[in-house]
């Protein structure tokens, strides 16, 4: 039961995925470059899902860590919201 609330791994994955984007997509990147990196992120999520089952709480922790890391790095809020939703649907 307590493992249901242990979302450290999901939270770390969200932060790591955001750092992956930050390192590869500058704020003024083209749509093509953004999409290339997003496609790679989707693949990382697919691999992550193989070994990790995320419940609603863990998905929320993942999304929160991912979203705030990007917002703190001054990415556009609309872009961040869209990307967070897209990745959550993939989880």
PDB file of N, CA and C in Angstrom:
ATOM      1  N   UNK A   1       0.819  -1.201   0.000  1.00  0.00           N
ATOM      2  CA  UNK A   1       0.000   0.000   0.000  1.00  0.00           C
ATOM      3  C   UNK A   1       0.861   1.263   0.000  1.00  0.00           C
ATOM      4  N   UNK A   2       1.926   1.252   0.797  1.00  0.00           N
ATOM      5  CA  UNK A   2       2.775   2.438   0.850  1.00  0.00           C
ATOM      6  C   UNK A   2       3.505   2.679  -0.459  1.00  0.00           C
ATOM      7  N   UNK A   3       3.767   1.635  -1.224  1.00  0.00           N
ATOM      8  CA  UNK A   3       4.446   1.831  -2.500  1.00  0.00           C
ATOM      9  C   UNK A   3       3.573   2.622  -3.479  1.00  0.00           C
ATOM     10  N   UNK A   4       2.272   2.621  -3.249  1.00  0.00           N
ATOM     11  CA  UNK A   4       1.366   3.389  -4.097  1.00  0.00           C
ATOM     12  C   UNK A   4       1.702   4.873  -4.033  1.00  0.00           C
ATOM     13  N   UNK A   5       2.172   5.327  -2.872  1.00  0.00           N
ATOM     14  CA  UNK A   5       2.482   6.736  -2.661  1.00  0.00           C
ATOM     15  C   UNK A   5       3.948   7.080  -2.904  1.00  0.00           C
ATOM     16  N   UNK A   6       4.787   6.099  -3.163  1.00  0.00           N
ATOM     17  CA  UNK A   6       6.206   6.363  -3.396  1.00  0.00           C
ATOM     18  C   UNK A   6       6.415   6.749  -4.856  1.00  0.00           C
ATOM     19  N   UNK A   7       6.414   8.035  -5.092  1.00  0.00           N
ATOM     20  CA  UNK A   7       6.482   8.545  -6.459  1.00  0.00           C
ATOM     21  C   UNK A   7       7.840   9.153  -6.784  1.00  0.00           C
ATOM     22  N   UNK A   8       8.849   8.860  -5.983  1.00  0.00           N
ATOM     23  CA  UNK A   8      10.170   9.454  -6.210  1.00  0.00           C
ATOM     24  C   UNK A   8      10.721   9.131  -7.592  1.00  0.00           C
ATOM     25  N   UNK A   9      10.565   7.890  -8.016  1.00  0.00           N
ATOM     26  CA  UNK A   9      11.091   7.486  -9.314  1.00  0.00           C
ATOM     27  C   UNK A   9      10.371   8.211 -10.454  1.00  0.00           C
ATOM     28  N   UNK A  10       9.070   8.319 -10.371  1.00  0.00           N
ATOM     29  CA  UNK A  10       8.296   9.016 -11.397  1.00  0.00           C
ATOM     30  C   UNK A  10       8.643  10.503 -11.426  1.00  0.00           C
ATOM     31  N   UNK A  11       8.821  11.072 -10.250  1.00  0.00           N
ATOM     32  CA  UNK A  11       9.177  12.484 -10.162  1.00  0.00           C
ATOM     33  C   UNK A  11      10.560  12.722 -10.770  1.00  0.00           C
ATOM     34  N   UNK A  12      11.504  11.840 -10.467  1.00  0.00           N
ATOM     35  CA  UNK A  12      12.846  11.959 -11.026  1.00  0.00           C
ATOM     36  C   UNK A  12      12.825  11.796 -12.540  1.00  0.00           C
ATOM     37  N   UNK A  13      12.015  10.881 -13.036  1.00  0.00           N
ATOM     38  CA  UNK A  13      11.893  10.682 -14.476  1.00  0.00           C
ATOM     39  C   UNK A  13      11.349  11.938 -15.150  1.00  0.00           C
ATOM     40  N   UNK A  14      10.380  12.585 -14.532  1.00  0.00           N
ATOM     41  CA  UNK A  14       9.838  13.834 -15.076  1.00  0.00           C
ATOM     42  C   UNK A  14      10.896  14.920 -15.156  1.00  0.00           C
ATOM     43  N   UNK A  15      11.695  15.046 -14.111  1.00  0.00           N
ATOM     44  CA  UNK A  15      12.776  16.029 -14.099  1.00  0.00           C
ATOM     45  C   UNK A  15      13.820  15.699 -15.158  1.00  0.00           C
ATOM     46  N   UNK A  16      14.190  14.430 -15.254  1.00  0.00           N
ATOM     47  CA  UNK A  16      15.178  13.997 -16.233  1.00  0.00           C
ATOM     48  C   UNK A  16      14.697  14.243 -17.658  1.00  0.00           C
ATOM     49  N   UNK A  17      13.439  13.971 -17.914  1.00  0.00           N
ATOM     50  CA  UNK A  17      12.886  14.184 -19.250  1.00  0.00           C
ATOM     51  C   UNK A  17      12.868  15.678 -19.594  1.00  0.00           C
ATOM     52  N   UNK A  18      12.544  16.513 -18.625  1.00  0.00           N
ATOM     53  CA  UNK A  18      12.570  17.959 -18.852  1.00  0.00           C
ATOM     54  C   UNK A  18      13.999  18.431 -19.131  1.00  0.00           C
ATOM     55  N   UNK A  19      14.967  17.921 -18.389  1.00  0.00           N
ATOM     56  CA  UNK A  19      16.365  18.283 -18.621  1.00  0.00           C
ATOM     57  C   UNK A  19      16.829  17.823 -20.003  1.00  0.00           C
ATOM     58  N   UNK A  20      16.326  16.678 -20.452  1.00  0.00           N
ATOM     59  CA  UNK A  20      16.632  16.183 -21.801  1.00  0.00           C
ATOM     60  C   UNK A  20      16.172  17.208 -22.839  1.00  0.00           C
ATOM     61  N   UNK A  21      14.964  17.725 -22.676  1.00  0.00           N
ATOM     62  CA  UNK A  21      14.425  18.720 -23.593  1.00  0.00           C
ATOM     63  C   UNK A  21      15.221  20.021 -23.515  1.00  0.00           C
ATOM     64  N   UNK A  22      15.493  20.475 -22.315  1.00  0.00           N
ATOM     65  CA  UNK A  22      16.212  21.739 -22.113  1.00  0.00           C
ATOM     66  C   UNK A  22      17.586  21.697 -22.778  1.00  0.00           C
ATOM     67  N   UNK A  23      18.259  20.564 -22.676  1.00  0.00           N
ATOM     68  CA  UNK A  23      19.598  20.434 -23.242  1.00  0.00           C
ATOM     69  C   UNK A  23      19.596  20.410 -24.769  1.00  0.00           C
ATOM     70  N   UNK A  24      18.470  20.040 -25.367  1.00  0.00           N
ATOM     71  CA  UNK A  24      18.437  19.855 -26.817  1.00  0.00           C
ATOM     72  C   UNK A  24      17.595  20.864 -27.585  1.00  0.00           C
ATOM     73  N   UNK A  25      16.730  21.571 -26.889  1.00  0.00           N
ATOM     74  CA  UNK A  25      15.826  22.508 -27.567  1.00  0.00           C
ATOM     75  C   UNK A  25      15.927  23.886 -26.912  1.00  0.00           C
ATOM     76  N   UNK A  26      16.629  24.808 -27.582  1.00  0.00           N
ATOM     77  CA  UNK A  26      16.668  26.167 -27.039  1.00  0.00           C
ATOM     78  C   UNK A  26      15.285  26.817 -27.110  1.00  0.00           C
ATOM     79  N   UNK A  27      15.113  27.875 -26.375  1.00  0.00           N
ATOM     80  CA  UNK A  27      13.810  28.547 -26.322  1.00  0.00           C
ATOM     81  C   UNK A  27      13.330  29.000 -27.701  1.00  0.00           C
ATOM     82  N   UNK A  28      14.240  29.329 -28.593  1.00  0.00           N
ATOM     83  CA  UNK A  28      13.865  29.834 -29.917  1.00  0.00           C
ATOM     84  C   UNK A  28      14.006  28.773 -31.014  1.00  0.00           C
ATOM     85  N   UNK A  29      13.926  27.516 -30.648  1.00  0.00           N
ATOM     86  CA  UNK A  29      14.095  26.423 -31.609  1.00  0.00           C
ATOM     87  C   UNK A  29      12.951  26.376 -32.616  1.00  0.00           C
ATOM     88  N   UNK A  30      13.246  25.808 -33.757  1.00  0.00           N
ATOM     89  CA  UNK A  30      12.220  25.641 -34.785  1.00  0.00           C
ATOM     90  C   UNK A  30      11.267  24.517 -34.386  1.00  0.00           C
ATOM     91  N   UNK A  31      10.115  24.512 -35.014  1.00  0.00           N
ATOM     92  CA  UNK A  31       9.118  23.472 -34.737  1.00  0.00           C
ATOM     93  C   UNK A  31       9.664  22.096 -35.120  1.00  0.00           C
ATOM     94  N   UNK A  32      10.429  22.040 -36.187  1.00  0.00           N
ATOM     95  CA  UNK A  32      11.011  20.771 -36.627  1.00  0.00           C
ATOM     96  C   UNK A  32      11.947  20.205 -35.562  1.00  0.00           C
ATOM     97  N   UNK A  33      12.810  21.046 -35.009  1.00  0.00           N
ATOM     98  CA  UNK A  33      13.741  20.609 -33.973  1.00  0.00           C
ATOM     99  C   UNK A  33      12.981  20.163 -32.722  1.00  0.00           C
ATOM    100  N   UNK A  34      11.967  20.922 -32.347  1.00  0.00           N
ATOM    101  CA  UNK A  34      11.154  20.550 -31.185  1.00  0.00           C
ATOM    102  C   UNK A  34      10.521  19.177 -31.384  1.00  0.00           C
ATOM    103  N   UNK A  35       9.973  18.963 -32.556  1.00  0.00           N
ATOM    104  CA  UNK A  35       9.285  17.698 -32.820  1.00  0.00           C
ATOM    105  C   UNK A  35      10.246  16.518 -32.800  1.00  0.00           C
ATOM    106  N   UNK A  36      11.455  16.702 -33.319  1.00  0.00           N
ATOM    107  CA  UNK A  36      12.456  15.633 -33.298  1.00  0.00           C
ATOM    108  C   UNK A  36      12.756  15.202 -31.865  1.00  0.00           C
ATOM    109  N   UNK A  37      12.928  16.174 -30.990  1.00  0.00           N
ATOM    110  CA  UNK A  37      13.237  15.877 -29.591  1.00  0.00           C
ATOM    111  C   UNK A  37      12.021  15.275 -28.895  1.00  0.00           C
ATOM    112  N   UNK A  38      10.842  15.777 -29.177  1.00  0.00           N
ATOM    113  CA  UNK A  38       9.620  15.227 -28.577  1.00  0.00           C
ATOM    114  C   UNK A  38       9.449  13.768 -28.978  1.00  0.00           C
ATOM    115  N   UNK A  39       9.736  13.446 -30.230  1.00  0.00           N
ATOM    116  CA  UNK A  39       9.645  12.050 -30.678  1.00  0.00           C
ATOM    117  C   UNK A  39      10.599  11.154 -29.881  1.00  0.00           C
ATOM    118  N   UNK A  40      11.782  11.652 -29.592  1.00  0.00           N
ATOM    119  CA  UNK A  40      12.746  10.892 -28.785  1.00  0.00           C
ATOM    120  C   UNK A  40      12.255  10.739 -27.346  1.00  0.00           C
ATOM    121  N   UNK A  41      11.600  11.762 -26.844  1.00  0.00           N
ATOM    122  CA  UNK A  41      11.053  11.699 -25.489  1.00  0.00           C
ATOM    123  C   UNK A  41       9.936  10.663 -25.403  1.00  0.00           C
ATOM    124  N   UNK A  42       9.113  10.596 -26.424  1.00  0.00           N
ATOM    125  CA  UNK A  42       8.035   9.612 -26.462  1.00  0.00           C
ATOM    126  C   UNK A  42       8.616   8.200 -26.422  1.00  0.00           C
ATOM    127  N   UNK A  43       9.705   7.991 -27.140  1.00  0.00           N
ATOM    128  CA  UNK A  43      10.374   6.681 -27.099  1.00  0.00           C
ATOM    129  C   UNK A  43      10.894   6.364 -25.700  1.00  0.00           C
ATOM    130  N   UNK A  44      11.434   7.373 -25.030  1.00  0.00           N
ATOM    131  CA  UNK A  44      11.913   7.164 -23.656  1.00  0.00           C
ATOM    132  C   UNK A  44      10.762   6.787 -22.731  1.00  0.00           C
ATOM    133  N   UNK A  45       9.616   7.397 -22.927  1.00  0.00           N
ATOM    134  CA  UNK A  45       8.440   7.061 -22.116  1.00  0.00           C
ATOM    135  C   UNK A  45       8.009   5.623 -22.389  1.00  0.00           C
ATOM    136  N   UNK A  46       8.028   5.224 -23.640  1.00  0.00           N
ATOM    137  CA  UNK A  46       7.640   3.854 -23.984  1.00  0.00           C
ATOM    138  C   UNK A  46       8.557   2.841 -23.297  1.00  0.00           C
ATOM    139  N   UNK A  47       9.844   3.124 -23.243  1.00  0.00           N
ATOM    140  CA  UNK A  47      10.796   2.234 -22.567  1.00  0.00           C
ATOM    141  C   UNK A  47      10.554   2.262 -21.056  1.00  0.00           C
ATOM    142  N   UNK A  48      10.312   3.436 -20.510  1.00  0.00           N
ATOM    143  CA  UNK A  48      10.069   3.577 -19.072  1.00  0.00           C
ATOM    144  C   UNK A  48       8.835   2.782 -18.641  1.00  0.00           C
ATOM    145  N   UNK A  49       7.790   2.796 -19.467  1.00  0.00           N
ATOM    146  CA  UNK A  49       6.537   2.104 -19.131  1.00  0.00           C
ATOM    147  C   UNK A  49       6.706   0.591 -19.027  1.00  0.00           C
ATOM    148  N   UNK A  50       7.709   0.053 -19.684  1.00  0.00           N
ATOM    149  CA  UNK A  50       7.920  -1.396 -19.648  1.00  0.00           C
ATOM    150  C   UNK A  50       8.165  -1.877 -18.217  1.00  0.00           C
ATOM    151  N   UNK A  51       8.962  -1.138 -17.472  1.00  0.00           N
ATOM    152  CA  UNK A  51       9.342  -1.555 -16.118  1.00  0.00           C
ATOM    153  C   UNK A  51       8.610  -0.821 -14.999  1.00  0.00           C
ATOM    154  N   UNK A  52       7.836   0.199 -15.327  1.00  0.00           N
ATOM    155  CA  UNK A  52       7.189   1.012 -14.296  1.00  0.00           C
ATOM    156  C   UNK A  52       5.701   1.160 -14.590  1.00  0.00           C
ATOM    157  N   UNK A  53       4.900   0.754 -13.638  1.00  0.00           N
ATOM    158  CA  UNK A  53       3.457   0.995 -13.723  1.00  0.00           C
ATOM    159  C   UNK A  53       3.135   2.206 -12.874  1.00  0.00           C
ATOM    160  N   UNK A  54       2.588   3.209 -13.505  1.00  0.00           N
ATOM    161  CA  UNK A  54       2.303   4.441 -12.779  1.00  0.00           C
ATOM    162  C   UNK A  54       0.813   4.561 -12.482  1.00  0.00           C
ATOM    163  N   UNK A  55       0.509   4.774 -11.221  1.00  0.00           N
ATOM    164  CA  UNK A  55      -0.870   5.048 -10.836  1.00  0.00           C
ATOM    165  C   UNK A  55      -1.138   6.546 -11.012  1.00  0.00           C
ATOM    166  N   UNK A  56      -2.307   6.981 -10.688  1.00  0.00           N
ATOM    167  CA  UNK A  56      -2.697   8.374 -10.876  1.00  0.00           C
ATOM    168  C   UNK A  56      -1.798   9.331 -10.093  1.00  0.00           C
ATOM    169  N   UNK A  57      -1.476   8.975  -8.866  1.00  0.00           N
ATOM    170  CA  UNK A  57      -0.631   9.824  -8.026  1.00  0.00           C
ATOM    171  C   UNK A  57       0.765   9.972  -8.631  1.00  0.00           C
ATOM    172  N   UNK A  58       1.332   8.881  -9.098  1.00  0.00           N
ATOM    173  CA  UNK A  58       2.679   8.915  -9.679  1.00  0.00           C
ATOM    174  C   UNK A  58       2.697   9.687 -10.999  1.00  0.00           C
ATOM    175  N   UNK A  59       1.642   9.552 -11.775  1.00  0.00           N
ATOM    176  CA  UNK A  59       1.550  10.321 -13.017  1.00  0.00           C
ATOM    177  C   UNK A  59       1.489  11.820 -12.715  1.00  0.00           C
ATOM    178  N   UNK A  60       0.761  12.177 -11.675  1.00  0.00           N
ATOM    179  CA  UNK A  60       0.659  13.585 -11.288  1.00  0.00           C
ATOM    180  C   UNK A  60       2.012  14.125 -10.841  1.00  0.00           C
ATOM    181  N   UNK A  61       2.743  13.331 -10.093  1.00  0.00           N
ATOM    182  CA  UNK A  61       4.078  13.746  -9.640  1.00  0.00           C
ATOM    183  C   UNK A  61       5.035  13.893 -10.822  1.00  0.00           C
ATOM    184  N   UNK A  62       4.948  12.953 -11.772  1.00  0.00           N
ATOM    185  CA  UNK A  62       5.751  13.038 -12.985  1.00  0.00           C
ATOM    186  C   UNK A  62       5.454  14.349 -13.720  1.00  0.00           C
ATOM    187  N   UNK A  63       4.164  14.596 -13.961  1.00  0.00           N
ATOM    188  CA  UNK A  63       3.752  15.768 -14.722  1.00  0.00           C
ATOM    189  C   UNK A  63       4.149  17.060 -14.027  1.00  0.00           C
ATOM    190  N   UNK A  64       3.979  17.106 -12.728  1.00  0.00           N
ATOM    191  CA  UNK A  64       4.321  18.303 -11.972  1.00  0.00           C
ATOM    192  C   UNK A  64       5.817  18.598 -12.053  1.00  0.00           C
ATOM    193  N   UNK A  65       6.646  17.585 -11.867  1.00  0.00           N
ATOM    194  CA  UNK A  65       8.097  17.773 -11.936  1.00  0.00           C
ATOM    195  C   UNK A  65       8.514  18.216 -13.336  1.00  0.00           C
ATOM    196  N   UNK A  66       7.959  17.574 -14.347  1.00  0.00           N
ATOM    197  CA  UNK A  66       8.283  17.894 -15.734  1.00  0.00           C
ATOM    198  C   UNK A  66       7.884  19.335 -16.069  1.00  0.00           C
ATOM    199  N   UNK A  67       6.650  19.658 -15.754  1.00  0.00           N
ATOM    200  CA  UNK A  67       6.098  20.970 -16.103  1.00  0.00           C
ATOM    201  C   UNK A  67       6.854  22.105 -15.427  1.00  0.00           C
ATOM    202  N   UNK A  68       7.093  21.983 -14.123  1.00  0.00           N
ATOM    203  CA  UNK A  68       7.725  23.084 -13.405  1.00  0.00           C
ATOM    204  C   UNK A  68       9.194  23.248 -13.757  1.00  0.00           C
ATOM    205  N   UNK A  69       9.851  22.171 -14.117  1.00  0.00           N
ATOM    206  CA  UNK A  69      11.242  22.283 -14.557  1.00  0.00           C
ATOM    207  C   UNK A  69      11.304  23.116 -15.843  1.00  0.00           C
ATOM    208  N   UNK A  70      10.382  22.875 -16.766  1.00  0.00           N
ATOM    209  CA  UNK A  70      10.357  23.641 -18.015  1.00  0.00           C
ATOM    210  C   UNK A  70       9.910  25.085 -17.796  1.00  0.00           C
ATOM    211  N   UNK A  71       8.907  25.286 -16.956  1.00  0.00           N
ATOM    212  CA  UNK A  71       8.454  26.651 -16.682  1.00  0.00           C
ATOM    213  C   UNK A  71       9.539  27.457 -15.992  1.00  0.00           C
ATOM    214  N   UNK A  72      10.269  26.839 -15.079  1.00  0.00           N
ATOM    215  CA  UNK A  72      11.374  27.520 -14.407  1.00  0.00           C
ATOM    216  C   UNK A  72      12.502  27.868 -15.368  1.00  0.00           C
ATOM    217  N   UNK A  73      12.579  27.132 -16.474  1.00  0.00           N
ATOM    218  CA  UNK A  73      13.591  27.399 -17.495  1.00  0.00           C
ATOM    219  C   UNK A  73      13.080  28.364 -18.561  1.00  0.00           C
ATOM    220  N   UNK A  74      11.922  28.962 -18.310  1.00  0.00           N
ATOM    221  CA  UNK A  74      11.306  29.999 -19.121  1.00  0.00           C
ATOM    222  C   UNK A  74      10.784  29.538 -20.479  1.00  0.00           C
ATOM    223  N   UNK A  75      10.364  28.291 -20.553  1.00  0.00           N
ATOM    224  CA  UNK A  75       9.672  27.842 -21.763  1.00  0.00           C
ATOM    225  C   UNK A  75       8.257  28.392 -21.747  1.00  0.00           C
ATOM    226  N   UNK A  76       7.704  28.564 -22.917  1.00  0.00           N
ATOM    227  CA  UNK A  76       6.356  29.107 -23.079  1.00  0.00           C
ATOM    228  C   UNK A  76       5.333  28.211 -22.375  1.00  0.00           C
ATOM    229  N   UNK A  77       4.485  28.810 -21.573  1.00  0.00           N
ATOM    230  CA  UNK A  77       3.513  28.055 -20.779  1.00  0.00           C
ATOM    231  C   UNK A  77       2.564  27.240 -21.654  1.00  0.00           C
ATOM    232  N   UNK A  78       2.158  27.789 -22.779  1.00  0.00           N
ATOM    233  CA  UNK A  78       1.250  27.066 -23.678  1.00  0.00           C
ATOM    234  C   UNK A  78       1.937  25.818 -24.248  1.00  0.00           C
ATOM    235  N   UNK A  79       3.189  25.962 -24.650  1.00  0.00           N
ATOM    236  CA  UNK A  79       3.964  24.833 -25.159  1.00  0.00           C
ATOM    237  C   UNK A  79       4.153  23.776 -24.070  1.00  0.00           C
ATOM    238  N   UNK A  80       4.475  24.213 -22.866  1.00  0.00           N
ATOM    239  CA  UNK A  80       4.695  23.297 -21.750  1.00  0.00           C
ATOM    240  C   UNK A  80       3.417  22.533 -21.421  1.00  0.00           C
ATOM    241  N   UNK A  81       2.289  23.208 -21.378  1.00  0.00           N
ATOM    242  CA  UNK A  81       1.008  22.540 -21.105  1.00  0.00           C
ATOM    243  C   UNK A  81       0.689  21.497 -22.166  1.00  0.00           C
ATOM    244  N   UNK A  82       0.869  21.871 -23.424  1.00  0.00           N
ATOM    245  CA  UNK A  82       0.581  20.958 -24.526  1.00  0.00           C
ATOM    246  C   UNK A  82       1.473  19.719 -24.436  1.00  0.00           C
ATOM    247  N   UNK A  83       2.760  19.935 -24.201  1.00  0.00           N
ATOM    248  CA  UNK A  83       3.703  18.831 -24.145  1.00  0.00           C
ATOM    249  C   UNK A  83       3.448  17.943 -22.928  1.00  0.00           C
ATOM    250  N   UNK A  84       3.152  18.536 -21.799  1.00  0.00           N
ATOM    251  CA  UNK A  84       2.861  17.758 -20.588  1.00  0.00           C
ATOM    252  C   UNK A  84       1.649  16.856 -20.809  1.00  0.00           C
ATOM    253  N   UNK A  85       0.607  17.390 -21.409  1.00  0.00           N
ATOM    254  CA  UNK A  85      -0.594  16.587 -21.693  1.00  0.00           C
ATOM    255  C   UNK A  85      -0.278  15.448 -22.664  1.00  0.00           C
ATOM    256  N   UNK A  86       0.498  15.764 -23.682  1.00  0.00           N
ATOM    257  CA  UNK A  86       0.855  14.757 -24.677  1.00  0.00           C
ATOM    258  C   UNK A  86       1.631  13.606 -24.035  1.00  0.00           C
ATOM    259  N   UNK A  87       2.583  13.939 -23.178  1.00  0.00           N
ATOM    260  CA  UNK A  87       3.384  12.900 -22.530  1.00  0.00           C
ATOM    261  C   UNK A  87       2.561  12.109 -21.521  1.00  0.00           C
ATOM    262  N   UNK A  88       1.666  12.781 -20.814  1.00  0.00           N
ATOM    263  CA  UNK A  88       0.797  12.083 -19.860  1.00  0.00           C
ATOM    264  C   UNK A  88      -0.099  11.068 -20.560  1.00  0.00           C
ATOM    265  N   UNK A  89      -0.605  11.435 -21.713  1.00  0.00           N
ATOM    266  CA  UNK A  89      -1.441  10.503 -22.467  1.00  0.00           C
ATOM    267  C   UNK A  89      -0.638   9.284 -22.899  1.00  0.00           C
ATOM    268  N   UNK A  90       0.652   9.470 -23.089  1.00  0.00           N
ATOM    269  CA  UNK A  90       1.512   8.360 -23.495  1.00  0.00           C
ATOM    270  C   UNK A  90       1.799   7.422 -22.325  1.00  0.00           C
ATOM    271  N   UNK A  91       1.790   7.957 -21.105  1.00  0.00           N
ATOM    272  CA  UNK A  91       2.031   7.132 -19.924  1.00  0.00           C
ATOM    273  C   UNK A  91       0.824   6.251 -19.682  1.00  0.00           C
TER     274      UNK A  91
END
